[in-house]
Amino acid sequence: MVSTKFFKKFLLTLLICFSTNFLVLSADKAEGEDFNMGEMIMHHVLDDYQYEIMHGLVIPLPVILYTEKNGLLIFSSSNLFDDDHVPLEEGYNGFKYYHGKLKSIDQDASYVDLSITKNVAFLILTATLMILVFLSVAKGYSKKNSAPKGIQALFEPVIIFVRDDIVKPNIGENYEKYLPYMLTLFFFIFFGNVLGLMPGAANLTGNIAVTLSLALFTFLITNFSGNKHYWKHIFWTPGIPIIMRVIILPIELIGVFSKPISLMIRLFAAITAGHIVLLSFIGLIFIFQSYFVGVMSALFVVGLNLVELMVAGIQAYVFTMFSSVYIGLATEDGH
């Protein structure tokens, strides 16, 4: 069991991190500048080629491009900006930065962008954190006849919950075959959601490319695991008149693709909407420039951050549960 003292420290750490969002976001408004809420929100929600922690504190990220003319190009994103972090009009190496995107100065040039953007950096960070955490958990299990403690005690109930209350009931007897994927899916989404609430963090799980990739994995596993009963139900639904089978066939085919699409959009919309609401409340402070509005916004944001922490777990649960349901429907025996 997780000790009360350890759990309180964990929550207090999260609360402090959430509260420091004010310091980071407040620093984004330089003295004398007009505040643009829409620009501020989109800047924090969208991906970028540099990691701006706060105004004036920027970590350049590597730009990796493959062009037909020059082959592989690798350079720092700092080369695209001047000392005040304003994009250079002349660009660098034939490319220039424009509203969060790279554009080729030569309009006819084709290229492949493999850059380490802010979201990619946080994806690597999330994966690294997961590896470190679960290697530590696995190390705890290597010690025989010892009670779980520390980080092992924190994650063991969650692992058991995912196994016994999500995966096993929905997939059935062959659940162990899919359990590693489901645990990875759950914790990747949960870690990504929680890290996204930290000060200056990237909107990783609010990036539709990330949610598309996760949904695509579920789609492929579901349909490659589908047995003959699954495909028969789709292409020639048993137990109904032939004319109805012809009508139902396109509906079933649409359902095959709409399931992963719903997974992709649900996670993307929930996380992005939460970030936009939080940033909007913070933006009200700079618009009204009132102590009363500032205090009320601060209270709302801290409360919403705690709600978002709950949403982080709920969205991980929902994505994993529906993935398990879809795989379970594809692998169940005919009846």
C-alpha atoms as a PDB file:
ATOM      1  CA  MET A   1       0.000   0.000   0.000  1.00  0.00           C
ATOM      2  CA  VAL A   2       1.086   3.590  -0.664  1.00  0.00           C
ATOM      3  CA  SER A   3       1.897   5.378   2.587  1.00  0.00           C
ATOM      4  CA  THR A   4      -0.149   8.482   3.386  1.00  0.00           C
ATOM      5  CA  LYS A   5       3.048  10.510   3.841  1.00  0.00           C
ATOM      6  CA  PHE A   6       4.367   9.525   0.374  1.00  0.00           C
ATOM      7  CA  PHE A   7       1.000  10.263  -1.272  1.00  0.00           C
ATOM      8  CA  LYS A   8       0.761  13.709   0.368  1.00  0.00           C
ATOM      9  CA  LYS A   9       4.277  14.602  -0.809  1.00  0.00           C
ATOM     10  CA  PHE A  10       3.356  13.493  -4.343  1.00  0.00           C
ATOM     11  CA  LEU A  11       0.218  15.675  -4.427  1.00  0.00           C
ATOM     12  CA  LEU A  12       2.033  18.644  -2.888  1.00  0.00           C
ATOM     13  CA  THR A  13       4.758  18.419  -5.537  1.00  0.00           C
ATOM     14  CA  LEU A  14       2.159  18.411  -8.319  1.00  0.00           C
ATOM     15  CA  LEU A  15       0.305  21.360  -6.771  1.00  0.00           C
ATOM     16  CA  ILE A  16       3.517  23.410  -6.557  1.00  0.00           C
ATOM     17  CA  CYS A  17       4.329  22.601 -10.183  1.00  0.00           C
ATOM     18  CA  PHE A  18       0.815  23.607 -11.282  1.00  0.00           C
ATOM     19  CA  SER A  19       1.008  26.873  -9.344  1.00  0.00           C
ATOM     20  CA  THR A  20       4.324  27.860 -10.934  1.00  0.00           C
ATOM     21  CA  ASN A  21       2.545  27.966 -14.290  1.00  0.00           C
ATOM     22  CA  PHE A  22       1.671  31.541 -13.336  1.00  0.00           C
ATOM     23  CA  LEU A  23       5.345  32.497 -13.089  1.00  0.00           C
ATOM     24  CA  VAL A  24       6.179  30.953 -16.460  1.00  0.00           C
ATOM     25  CA  LEU A  25       3.201  32.356 -18.323  1.00  0.00           C
ATOM     26  CA  SER A  26       3.478  35.767 -16.677  1.00  0.00           C
ATOM     27  CA  ALA A  27       7.047  36.016 -17.933  1.00  0.00           C
ATOM     28  CA  ASP A  28       5.770  35.567 -21.488  1.00  0.00           C
ATOM     29  CA  LYS A  29       4.421  39.121 -21.439  1.00  0.00           C
ATOM     30  CA  ALA A  30       7.330  41.474 -21.752  1.00  0.00           C
ATOM     31  CA  GLU A  31       6.956  44.924 -20.251  1.00  0.00           C
ATOM     32  CA  GLY A  32       5.384  47.402 -22.637  1.00  0.00           C
ATOM     33  CA  GLU A  33       4.074  44.785 -25.059  1.00  0.00           C
ATOM     34  CA  ASP A  34       0.401  44.531 -26.033  1.00  0.00           C
ATOM     35  CA  PHE A  35      -1.118  41.286 -24.821  1.00  0.00           C
ATOM     36  CA  ASN A  36      -2.685  39.022 -27.449  1.00  0.00           C
ATOM     37  CA  MET A  37      -4.532  36.152 -25.760  1.00  0.00           C
ATOM     38  CA  GLY A  38      -5.109  34.173 -28.949  1.00  0.00           C
ATOM     39  CA  GLU A  39      -1.438  34.361 -29.884  1.00  0.00           C
ATOM     40  CA  MET A  40      -0.391  33.356 -26.358  1.00  0.00           C
ATOM     41  CA  ILE A  41      -2.737  30.348 -26.303  1.00  0.00           C
ATOM     42  CA  MET A  42      -1.771  29.072 -29.751  1.00  0.00           C
ATOM     43  CA  HIS A  43       1.919  29.557 -28.941  1.00  0.00           C
ATOM     44  CA  HIS A  44       1.630  27.212 -25.945  1.00  0.00           C
ATOM     45  CA  VAL A  45      -0.740  24.688 -27.549  1.00  0.00           C
ATOM     46  CA  LEU A  46       0.971  24.215 -30.920  1.00  0.00           C
ATOM     47  CA  ASP A  47       4.284  22.546 -31.702  1.00  0.00           C
ATOM     48  CA  ASP A  48       7.463  24.551 -32.325  1.00  0.00           C
ATOM     49  CA  TYR A  49      11.095  24.231 -33.390  1.00  0.00           C
ATOM     50  CA  GLN A  50      12.378  25.747 -30.153  1.00  0.00           C
ATOM     51  CA  TYR A  51      11.446  25.136 -26.541  1.00  0.00           C
ATOM     52  CA  GLU A  52      10.521  28.475 -24.999  1.00  0.00           C
ATOM     53  CA  ILE A  53      10.250  27.992 -21.231  1.00  0.00           C
ATOM     54  CA  MET A  54       9.408  31.659 -20.672  1.00  0.00           C
ATOM     55  CA  HIS A  55       9.982  34.972 -22.443  1.00  0.00           C
ATOM     56  CA  GLY A  56      13.697  35.274 -23.123  1.00  0.00           C
ATOM     57  CA  LEU A  57      14.542  31.749 -21.938  1.00  0.00           C
ATOM     58  CA  VAL A  58      14.653  29.557 -25.027  1.00  0.00           C
ATOM     59  CA  ILE A  59      16.256  26.168 -25.617  1.00  0.00           C
ATOM     60  CA  PRO A  60      17.103  25.668 -29.320  1.00  0.00           C
ATOM     61  CA  LEU A  61      16.242  22.269 -30.779  1.00  0.00           C
ATOM     62  CA  PRO A  62      17.948  20.420 -33.653  1.00  0.00           C
ATOM     63  CA  VAL A  63      16.503  20.911 -37.125  1.00  0.00           C
ATOM     64  CA  ILE A  64      16.931  17.809 -39.281  1.00  0.00           C
ATOM     65  CA  LEU A  65      15.964  18.056 -42.941  1.00  0.00           C
ATOM     66  CA  TYR A  66      16.509  15.871 -45.974  1.00  0.00           C
ATOM     67  CA  THR A  67      16.486  17.766 -49.272  1.00  0.00           C
ATOM     68  CA  GLU A  68      16.918  16.531 -52.821  1.00  0.00           C
ATOM     69  CA  LYS A  69      19.475  19.231 -53.556  1.00  0.00           C
ATOM     70  CA  ASN A  70      21.681  19.227 -50.434  1.00  0.00           C
ATOM     71  CA  GLY A  71      20.906  15.853 -48.866  1.00  0.00           C
ATOM     72  CA  LEU A  72      20.808  15.701 -45.075  1.00  0.00           C
ATOM     73  CA  LEU A  73      20.893  19.069 -43.259  1.00  0.00           C
ATOM     74  CA  ILE A  74      21.319  19.278 -39.467  1.00  0.00           C
ATOM     75  CA  PHE A  75      21.555  22.598 -37.659  1.00  0.00           C
ATOM     76  CA  SER A  76      20.315  24.323 -34.507  1.00  0.00           C
ATOM     77  CA  SER A  77      16.990  26.157 -34.657  1.00  0.00           C
ATOM     78  CA  SER A  78      18.787  29.158 -33.103  1.00  0.00           C
ATOM     79  CA  ASN A  79      20.213  29.877 -36.568  1.00  0.00           C
ATOM     80  CA  LEU A  80      16.706  30.827 -37.713  1.00  0.00           C
ATOM     81  CA  PHE A  81      16.396  33.657 -35.154  1.00  0.00           C
ATOM     82  CA  ASP A  82      18.271  36.781 -34.127  1.00  0.00           C
ATOM     83  CA  ASP A  83      19.432  37.579 -30.577  1.00  0.00           C
ATOM     84  CA  ASP A  84      15.905  38.755 -29.639  1.00  0.00           C
ATOM     85  CA  HIS A  85      14.395  35.455 -30.893  1.00  0.00           C
ATOM     86  CA  VAL A  86      12.811  37.194 -33.888  1.00  0.00           C
ATOM     87  CA  PRO A  87      12.745  35.032 -37.068  1.00  0.00           C
ATOM     88  CA  LEU A  88      15.369  36.041 -39.626  1.00  0.00           C
ATOM     89  CA  GLU A  89      13.837  37.223 -42.890  1.00  0.00           C
ATOM     90  CA  GLU A  90      16.720  35.746 -44.902  1.00  0.00           C
ATOM     91  CA  GLY A  91      16.413  32.403 -43.114  1.00  0.00           C
ATOM     92  CA  TYR A  92      19.216  29.858 -42.891  1.00  0.00           C
ATOM     93  CA  ASN A  93      20.365  27.075 -45.228  1.00  0.00           C
ATOM     94  CA  GLY A  94      17.502  27.833 -47.597  1.00  0.00           C
ATOM     95  CA  PHE A  95      14.789  27.696 -44.937  1.00  0.00           C
ATOM     96  CA  LYS A  96      13.030  30.261 -42.782  1.00  0.00           C
ATOM     97  CA  TYR A  97      10.757  30.105 -39.751  1.00  0.00           C
ATOM     98  CA  TYR A  98       7.156  31.255 -40.187  1.00  0.00           C
ATOM     99  CA  HIS A  99       4.527  30.967 -37.430  1.00  0.00           C
ATOM    100  CA  GLY A 100       5.791  27.712 -35.972  1.00  0.00           C
ATOM    101  CA  LYS A 101       6.581  26.125 -39.353  1.00  0.00           C
ATOM    102  CA  LEU A 102       9.624  25.812 -41.568  1.00  0.00           C
ATOM    103  CA  LYS A 103       9.279  27.087 -45.122  1.00  0.00           C
ATOM    104  CA  SER A 104      11.667  26.554 -47.990  1.00  0.00           C
ATOM    105  CA  ILE A 105      12.851  29.807 -49.548  1.00  0.00           C
ATOM    106  CA  ASP A 106      12.934  27.973 -52.862  1.00  0.00           C
ATOM    107  CA  GLN A 107       9.244  27.200 -53.335  1.00  0.00           C
ATOM    108  CA  ASP A 108       9.962  24.341 -55.768  1.00  0.00           C
ATOM    109  CA  ALA A 109      12.327  22.511 -53.396  1.00  0.00           C
ATOM    110  CA  SER A 110      10.994  19.330 -51.821  1.00  0.00           C
ATOM    111  CA  TYR A 111      12.178  18.129 -48.425  1.00  0.00           C
ATOM    112  CA  VAL A 112      11.445  15.741 -45.579  1.00  0.00           C
ATOM    113  CA  ASP A 113      11.300  17.249 -42.099  1.00  0.00           C
ATOM    114  CA  LEU A 114      12.721  14.970 -39.358  1.00  0.00           C
ATOM    115  CA  SER A 115      13.371  17.713 -36.818  1.00  0.00           C
ATOM    116  CA  ILE A 116      13.290  17.277 -33.033  1.00  0.00           C
ATOM    117  CA  THR A 117      10.445  19.690 -32.292  1.00  0.00           C
ATOM    118  CA  LYS A 118       9.103  20.570 -28.854  1.00  0.00           C
ATOM    119  CA  ASN A 119       6.532  17.762 -28.963  1.00  0.00           C
ATOM    120  CA  VAL A 120       9.111  15.241 -30.170  1.00  0.00           C
ATOM    121  CA  ALA A 121      11.437  16.283 -27.335  1.00  0.00           C
ATOM    122  CA  PHE A 122       8.645  15.738 -24.814  1.00  0.00           C
ATOM    123  CA  LEU A 123       7.762  12.416 -26.434  1.00  0.00           C
ATOM    124  CA  ILE A 124      11.360  11.289 -25.885  1.00  0.00           C
ATOM    125  CA  LEU A 125      11.214  12.671 -22.329  1.00  0.00           C
ATOM    126  CA  THR A 126       7.967  10.784 -21.619  1.00  0.00           C
ATOM    127  CA  ALA A 127       9.370   7.515 -23.002  1.00  0.00           C
ATOM    128  CA  THR A 128      12.605   7.944 -21.015  1.00  0.00           C
ATOM    129  CA  LEU A 129      10.689   8.673 -17.813  1.00  0.00           C
ATOM    130  CA  MET A 130       8.532   5.582 -18.333  1.00  0.00           C
ATOM    131  CA  ILE A 131      11.591   3.396 -18.854  1.00  0.00           C
ATOM    132  CA  LEU A 132      13.262   4.715 -15.686  1.00  0.00           C
ATOM    133  CA  VAL A 133      10.111   4.392 -13.586  1.00  0.00           C
ATOM    134  CA  PHE A 134       9.233   0.869 -14.641  1.00  0.00           C
ATOM    135  CA  LEU A 135      12.794  -0.392 -14.483  1.00  0.00           C
ATOM    136  CA  SER A 136      12.697   0.796 -10.870  1.00  0.00           C
ATOM    137  CA  VAL A 137       9.361  -0.970 -10.333  1.00  0.00           C
ATOM    138  CA  ALA A 138      10.698  -4.169 -11.919  1.00  0.00           C
ATOM    139  CA  LYS A 139      13.804  -3.972  -9.720  1.00  0.00           C
ATOM    140  CA  GLY A 140      11.541  -3.913  -6.668  1.00  0.00           C
ATOM    141  CA  TYR A 141       9.897  -7.160  -7.770  1.00  0.00           C
ATOM    142  CA  SER A 142      13.306  -8.830  -8.067  1.00  0.00           C
ATOM    143  CA  LYS A 143      13.656  -8.604  -4.283  1.00  0.00           C
ATOM    144  CA  LYS A 144      11.875 -11.657  -2.941  1.00  0.00           C
ATOM    145  CA  ASN A 145       9.752 -11.575   0.212  1.00  0.00           C
ATOM    146  CA  SER A 146       9.824  -7.781   0.422  1.00  0.00           C
ATOM    147  CA  ALA A 147       6.722  -5.601   0.671  1.00  0.00           C
ATOM    148  CA  PRO A 148       6.236  -3.003  -2.084  1.00  0.00           C
ATOM    149  CA  LYS A 149       7.428   0.449  -1.087  1.00  0.00           C
ATOM    150  CA  GLY A 150       8.108   3.826  -2.628  1.00  0.00           C
ATOM    151  CA  ILE A 151       7.537   4.088  -6.355  1.00  0.00           C
ATOM    152  CA  GLN A 152       6.719   0.383  -6.616  1.00  0.00           C
ATOM    153  CA  ALA A 153       3.907   0.763  -4.078  1.00  0.00           C
ATOM    154  CA  LEU A 154       2.589   3.781  -6.006  1.00  0.00           C
ATOM    155  CA  PHE A 155       2.347   2.049  -9.389  1.00  0.00           C
ATOM    156  CA  GLU A 156       1.487  -1.530  -8.409  1.00  0.00           C
ATOM    157  CA  PRO A 157      -2.212  -0.798  -7.656  1.00  0.00           C
ATOM    158  CA  VAL A 158      -2.535   1.053 -10.974  1.00  0.00           C
ATOM    159  CA  ILE A 159      -0.971  -1.843 -12.906  1.00  0.00           C
ATOM    160  CA  ILE A 160      -3.306  -4.322 -11.200  1.00  0.00           C
ATOM    161  CA  PHE A 161      -6.272  -2.025 -11.895  1.00  0.00           C
ATOM    162  CA  VAL A 162      -5.457  -1.840 -15.612  1.00  0.00           C
ATOM    163  CA  ARG A 163      -5.028  -5.606 -15.771  1.00  0.00           C
ATOM    164  CA  ASP A 164      -8.039  -6.727 -13.712  1.00  0.00           C
ATOM    165  CA  ASP A 165     -10.574  -3.955 -14.372  1.00  0.00           C
ATOM    166  CA  ILE A 166      -9.820  -2.843 -17.930  1.00  0.00           C
ATOM    167  CA  VAL A 167      -7.965  -5.436 -19.990  1.00  0.00           C
ATOM    168  CA  LYS A 168      -9.080  -8.777 -18.575  1.00  0.00           C
ATOM    169  CA  PRO A 169     -12.872  -8.159 -18.537  1.00  0.00           C
ATOM    170  CA  ASN A 170     -12.946  -6.666 -22.041  1.00  0.00           C
ATOM    171  CA  ILE A 171     -10.530  -8.923 -23.936  1.00  0.00           C
ATOM    172  CA  GLY A 172     -11.206 -12.209 -22.161  1.00  0.00           C
ATOM    173  CA  GLU A 173      -9.076 -15.337 -21.830  1.00  0.00           C
ATOM    174  CA  ASN A 174      -6.302 -14.195 -24.176  1.00  0.00           C
ATOM    175  CA  TYR A 175      -5.804 -10.872 -22.374  1.00  0.00           C
ATOM    176  CA  GLU A 176      -2.164 -11.619 -21.413  1.00  0.00           C
ATOM    177  CA  LYS A 177      -1.165 -11.446 -25.084  1.00  0.00           C
ATOM    178  CA  TYR A 178      -2.265  -7.800 -25.246  1.00  0.00           C
ATOM    179  CA  LEU A 179      -1.498  -6.710 -21.678  1.00  0.00           C
ATOM    180  CA  PRO A 180       1.994  -5.254 -22.412  1.00  0.00           C
ATOM    181  CA  TYR A 181       0.552  -3.019 -25.134  1.00  0.00           C
ATOM    182  CA  MET A 182      -2.358  -1.906 -22.950  1.00  0.00           C
ATOM    183  CA  LEU A 183      -0.116  -1.048 -19.996  1.00  0.00           C
ATOM    184  CA  THR A 184       2.238   0.888 -22.290  1.00  0.00           C
ATOM    185  CA  LEU A 185      -0.720   2.689 -23.850  1.00  0.00           C
ATOM    186  CA  PHE A 186      -2.258   3.623 -20.489  1.00  0.00           C
ATOM    187  CA  PHE A 187       0.917   4.922 -18.881  1.00  0.00           C
ATOM    188  CA  PHE A 188       2.171   6.723 -22.001  1.00  0.00           C
ATOM    189  CA  ILE A 189      -1.073   8.689 -22.203  1.00  0.00           C
ATOM    190  CA  PHE A 190      -1.161   9.292 -18.441  1.00  0.00           C
ATOM    191  CA  PHE A 191       2.474  10.434 -18.240  1.00  0.00           C
ATOM    192  CA  GLY A 192       2.034  12.626 -21.317  1.00  0.00           C
ATOM    193  CA  ASN A 193      -1.119  14.205 -19.869  1.00  0.00           C
ATOM    194  CA  VAL A 194       0.490  14.931 -16.491  1.00  0.00           C
ATOM    195  CA  LEU A 195       3.727  16.282 -17.997  1.00  0.00           C
ATOM    196  CA  GLY A 196       1.624  18.550 -20.196  1.00  0.00           C
ATOM    197  CA  LEU A 197       0.312  20.274 -17.052  1.00  0.00           C
ATOM    198  CA  MET A 198       3.790  21.174 -15.848  1.00  0.00           C
ATOM    199  CA  PRO A 199       5.162  24.724 -16.309  1.00  0.00           C
ATOM    200  CA  GLY A 200       6.379  25.413 -19.830  1.00  0.00           C
ATOM    201  CA  ALA A 201       5.496  21.893 -20.978  1.00  0.00           C
ATOM    202  CA  ALA A 202       4.554  20.793 -24.486  1.00  0.00           C
ATOM    203  CA  ASN A 203       1.015  19.796 -25.438  1.00  0.00           C
ATOM    204  CA  LEU A 204       2.078  16.243 -26.339  1.00  0.00           C
ATOM    205  CA  THR A 205      -1.181  14.292 -26.006  1.00  0.00           C
ATOM    206  CA  GLY A 206      -3.052  17.314 -27.386  1.00  0.00           C
ATOM    207  CA  ASN A 207      -1.166  16.906 -30.664  1.00  0.00           C
ATOM    208  CA  ILE A 208      -3.378  15.148 -33.199  1.00  0.00           C
ATOM    209  CA  ALA A 209      -0.365  13.439 -34.833  1.00  0.00           C
ATOM    210  CA  VAL A 210       0.400  11.706 -31.512  1.00  0.00           C
ATOM    211  CA  THR A 211      -3.213  10.648 -30.902  1.00  0.00           C
ATOM    212  CA  LEU A 212      -3.422   9.483 -34.543  1.00  0.00           C
ATOM    213  CA  SER A 213      -0.377   7.243 -34.018  1.00  0.00           C
ATOM    214  CA  LEU A 214      -1.837   5.725 -30.846  1.00  0.00           C
ATOM    215  CA  ALA A 215      -5.201   5.134 -32.535  1.00  0.00           C
ATOM    216  CA  LEU A 216      -3.430   3.607 -35.555  1.00  0.00           C
ATOM    217  CA  PHE A 217      -1.643   1.086 -33.306  1.00  0.00           C
ATOM    218  CA  THR A 218      -4.987   0.030 -31.821  1.00  0.00           C
ATOM    219  CA  PHE A 219      -6.531  -0.149 -35.308  1.00  0.00           C
ATOM    220  CA  LEU A 220      -3.765  -2.408 -36.644  1.00  0.00           C
ATOM    221  CA  ILE A 221      -3.676  -4.688 -33.599  1.00  0.00           C
ATOM    222  CA  THR A 222      -7.476  -5.002 -33.625  1.00  0.00           C
ATOM    223  CA  ASN A 223      -7.805  -5.897 -37.279  1.00  0.00           C
ATOM    224  CA  PHE A 224      -4.735  -8.141 -37.509  1.00  0.00           C
ATOM    225  CA  SER A 225      -6.019 -10.007 -34.440  1.00  0.00           C
ATOM    226  CA  GLY A 226      -9.558 -10.338 -35.824  1.00  0.00           C
ATOM    227  CA  ASN A 227     -10.750 -13.921 -36.227  1.00  0.00           C
ATOM    228  CA  LYS A 228     -13.114 -15.337 -38.824  1.00  0.00           C
ATOM    229  CA  HIS A 229     -16.182 -14.558 -36.677  1.00  0.00           C
ATOM    230  CA  TYR A 230     -15.154 -10.896 -36.529  1.00  0.00           C
ATOM    231  CA  TRP A 231     -14.720 -10.555 -40.296  1.00  0.00           C
ATOM    232  CA  LYS A 232     -17.850 -12.621 -41.006  1.00  0.00           C
ATOM    233  CA  HIS A 233     -19.874 -10.276 -38.801  1.00  0.00           C
ATOM    234  CA  ILE A 234     -18.563  -7.314 -40.803  1.00  0.00           C
ATOM    235  CA  PHE A 235     -18.872  -8.648 -44.373  1.00  0.00           C
ATOM    236  CA  TRP A 236     -21.843 -11.033 -44.024  1.00  0.00           C
ATOM    237  CA  THR A 237     -23.657 -10.405 -40.730  1.00  0.00           C
ATOM    238  CA  PRO A 238     -25.309 -13.679 -39.671  1.00  0.00           C
ATOM    239  CA  GLY A 239     -28.877 -14.066 -38.458  1.00  0.00           C
ATOM    240  CA  ILE A 240     -30.524 -11.397 -40.635  1.00  0.00           C
ATOM    241  CA  PRO A 241     -32.143 -11.366 -44.119  1.00  0.00           C
ATOM    242  CA  ILE A 242     -29.831 -11.065 -47.134  1.00  0.00           C
ATOM    243  CA  ILE A 243     -31.189  -7.656 -48.147  1.00  0.00           C
ATOM    244  CA  MET A 244     -30.348  -6.338 -44.663  1.00  0.00           C
ATOM    245  CA  ARG A 245     -26.820  -7.735 -44.928  1.00  0.00           C
ATOM    246  CA  VAL A 246     -26.241  -5.634 -48.045  1.00  0.00           C
ATOM    247  CA  ILE A 247     -27.478  -2.518 -46.223  1.00  0.00           C
ATOM    248  CA  ILE A 248     -25.475  -3.220 -43.051  1.00  0.00           C
ATOM    249  CA  LEU A 249     -22.171  -3.975 -44.879  1.00  0.00           C
ATOM    250  CA  PRO A 250     -21.203  -0.308 -45.564  1.00  0.00           C
ATOM    251  CA  ILE A 251     -22.227   0.628 -42.008  1.00  0.00           C
ATOM    252  CA  GLU A 252     -19.954  -2.071 -40.570  1.00  0.00           C
ATOM    253  CA  LEU A 253     -17.072  -0.975 -42.823  1.00  0.00           C
ATOM    254  CA  ILE A 254     -17.520   2.622 -41.695  1.00  0.00           C
ATOM    255  CA  GLY A 255     -17.474   1.364 -38.105  1.00  0.00           C
ATOM    256  CA  VAL A 256     -14.087  -0.288 -38.641  1.00  0.00           C
ATOM    257  CA  PHE A 257     -12.537   3.119 -39.395  1.00  0.00           C
ATOM    258  CA  SER A 258     -14.706   5.319 -37.172  1.00  0.00           C
ATOM    259  CA  LYS A 259     -13.568   3.515 -34.009  1.00  0.00           C
ATOM    260  CA  PRO A 260      -9.899   4.594 -34.213  1.00  0.00           C
ATOM    261  CA  ILE A 261     -10.975   8.046 -35.431  1.00  0.00           C
ATOM    262  CA  SER A 262     -13.116   8.482 -32.313  1.00  0.00           C
ATOM    263  CA  LEU A 263     -10.148   7.439 -30.145  1.00  0.00           C
ATOM    264  CA  MET A 264      -7.913   9.964 -31.886  1.00  0.00           C
ATOM    265  CA  ILE A 265     -10.321  12.907 -31.668  1.00  0.00           C
ATOM    266  CA  ARG A 266     -11.495  12.237 -28.098  1.00  0.00           C
ATOM    267  CA  LEU A 267      -8.020  12.401 -26.570  1.00  0.00           C
ATOM    268  CA  PHE A 268      -6.870  15.289 -28.776  1.00  0.00           C
ATOM    269  CA  ALA A 269      -9.975  17.395 -28.087  1.00  0.00           C
ATOM    270  CA  ALA A 270     -10.134  16.743 -24.336  1.00  0.00           C
ATOM    271  CA  ILE A 271      -6.487  17.610 -23.633  1.00  0.00           C
ATOM    272  CA  THR A 272      -6.300  20.588 -25.992  1.00  0.00           C
ATOM    273  CA  ALA A 273      -9.575  22.039 -24.713  1.00  0.00           C
ATOM    274  CA  GLY A 274      -8.356  21.739 -21.123  1.00  0.00           C
ATOM    275  CA  HIS A 275      -5.141  23.609 -21.930  1.00  0.00           C
ATOM    276  CA  ILE A 276      -7.055  26.352 -23.772  1.00  0.00           C
ATOM    277  CA  VAL A 277      -9.407  26.885 -20.820  1.00  0.00           C
ATOM    278  CA  LEU A 278      -6.495  27.085 -18.354  1.00  0.00           C
ATOM    279  CA  LEU A 279      -4.571  29.534 -20.539  1.00  0.00           C
ATOM    280  CA  SER A 280      -7.720  31.627 -21.050  1.00  0.00           C
ATOM    281  CA  PHE A 281      -8.161  32.117 -17.301  1.00  0.00           C
ATOM    282  CA  ILE A 282      -4.510  33.149 -16.982  1.00  0.00           C
ATOM    283  CA  GLY A 283      -4.923  35.523 -19.933  1.00  0.00           C
ATOM    284  CA  LEU A 284      -7.781  37.303 -18.138  1.00  0.00           C
ATOM    285  CA  ILE A 285      -5.241  38.604 -15.606  1.00  0.00           C
ATOM    286  CA  PHE A 286      -3.382  40.556 -18.312  1.00  0.00           C
ATOM    287  CA  ILE A 287      -6.554  41.744 -20.046  1.00  0.00           C
ATOM    288  CA  PHE A 288      -8.289  43.201 -16.976  1.00  0.00           C
ATOM    289  CA  GLN A 289      -5.117  44.003 -14.988  1.00  0.00           C
ATOM    290  CA  SER A 290      -7.131  43.796 -11.774  1.00  0.00           C
ATOM    291  CA  TYR A 291      -6.097  42.329  -8.416  1.00  0.00           C
ATOM    292  CA  PHE A 292      -9.581  40.855  -7.949  1.00  0.00           C
ATOM    293  CA  VAL A 293      -9.570  39.171 -11.366  1.00  0.00           C
ATOM    294  CA  GLY A 294      -6.005  38.003 -10.732  1.00  0.00           C
ATOM    295  CA  VAL A 295      -6.898  36.336  -7.426  1.00  0.00           C
ATOM    296  CA  MET A 296     -10.079  34.746  -8.814  1.00  0.00           C
ATOM    297  CA  SER A 297      -8.262  33.512 -11.938  1.00  0.00           C
ATOM    298  CA  ALA A 298      -5.501  32.050  -9.772  1.00  0.00           C
ATOM    299  CA  LEU A 299      -8.029  30.127  -7.680  1.00  0.00           C
ATOM    300  CA  PHE A 300      -9.836  28.888 -10.778  1.00  0.00           C
ATOM    301  CA  VAL A 301      -6.606  27.796 -12.463  1.00  0.00           C
ATOM    302  CA  VAL A 302      -5.337  25.853  -9.428  1.00  0.00           C
ATOM    303  CA  GLY A 303      -8.736  24.148  -9.147  1.00  0.00           C
ATOM    304  CA  LEU A 304      -8.850  23.416 -12.884  1.00  0.00           C
ATOM    305  CA  ASN A 305      -5.331  22.024 -12.751  1.00  0.00           C
ATOM    306  CA  LEU A 306      -6.488  19.501 -10.160  1.00  0.00           C
ATOM    307  CA  VAL A 307      -9.475  18.675 -12.379  1.00  0.00           C
ATOM    308  CA  GLU A 308      -7.111  18.290 -15.338  1.00  0.00           C
ATOM    309  CA  LEU A 309      -5.035  15.868 -13.276  1.00  0.00           C
ATOM    310  CA  MET A 310      -8.166  13.756 -12.862  1.00  0.00           C
ATOM    311  CA  VAL A 311      -8.909  14.122 -16.591  1.00  0.00           C
ATOM    312  CA  ALA A 312      -5.360  12.903 -17.315  1.00  0.00           C
ATOM    313  CA  GLY A 313      -6.214   9.608 -15.637  1.00  0.00           C
ATOM    314  CA  ILE A 314      -9.727   9.424 -17.100  1.00  0.00           C
ATOM    315  CA  GLN A 315      -8.510   9.916 -20.682  1.00  0.00           C
ATOM    316  CA  ALA A 316      -5.822   7.248 -20.235  1.00  0.00           C
ATOM    317  CA  TYR A 317      -8.502   4.939 -18.807  1.00  0.00           C
ATOM    318  CA  VAL A 318     -11.006   5.645 -21.620  1.00  0.00           C
ATOM    319  CA  PHE A 319      -8.465   5.169 -24.431  1.00  0.00           C
ATOM    320  CA  THR A 320      -7.217   1.901 -22.928  1.00  0.00           C
ATOM    321  CA  MET A 321     -10.718   0.634 -22.179  1.00  0.00           C
ATOM    322  CA  PHE A 322     -12.051   1.244 -25.697  1.00  0.00           C
ATOM    323  CA  SER A 323      -8.902  -0.269 -27.203  1.00  0.00           C
ATOM    324  CA  SER A 324      -9.506  -3.361 -25.060  1.00  0.00           C
ATOM    325  CA  VAL A 325     -13.169  -3.479 -26.079  1.00  0.00           C
ATOM    326  CA  TYR A 326     -12.312  -3.283 -29.786  1.00  0.00           C
ATOM    327  CA  ILE A 327      -9.675  -6.023 -29.498  1.00  0.00           C
ATOM    328  CA  GLY A 328     -12.044  -8.118 -27.386  1.00  0.00           C
ATOM    329  CA  LEU A 329     -14.783  -7.861 -30.050  1.00  0.00           C
ATOM    330  CA  ALA A 330     -12.280  -8.849 -32.749  1.00  0.00           C
ATOM    331  CA  THR A 331     -10.984 -11.922 -30.899  1.00  0.00           C
ATOM    332  CA  GLU A 332     -14.081 -13.310 -29.170  1.00  0.00           C
ATOM    333  CA  ASP A 333     -15.449 -16.671 -30.285  1.00  0.00           C
ATOM    334  CA  GLY A 334     -18.630 -16.795 -32.345  1.00  0.00           C
ATOM    335  CA  HIS A 335     -21.907 -17.341 -30.577  1.00  0.00           C
END
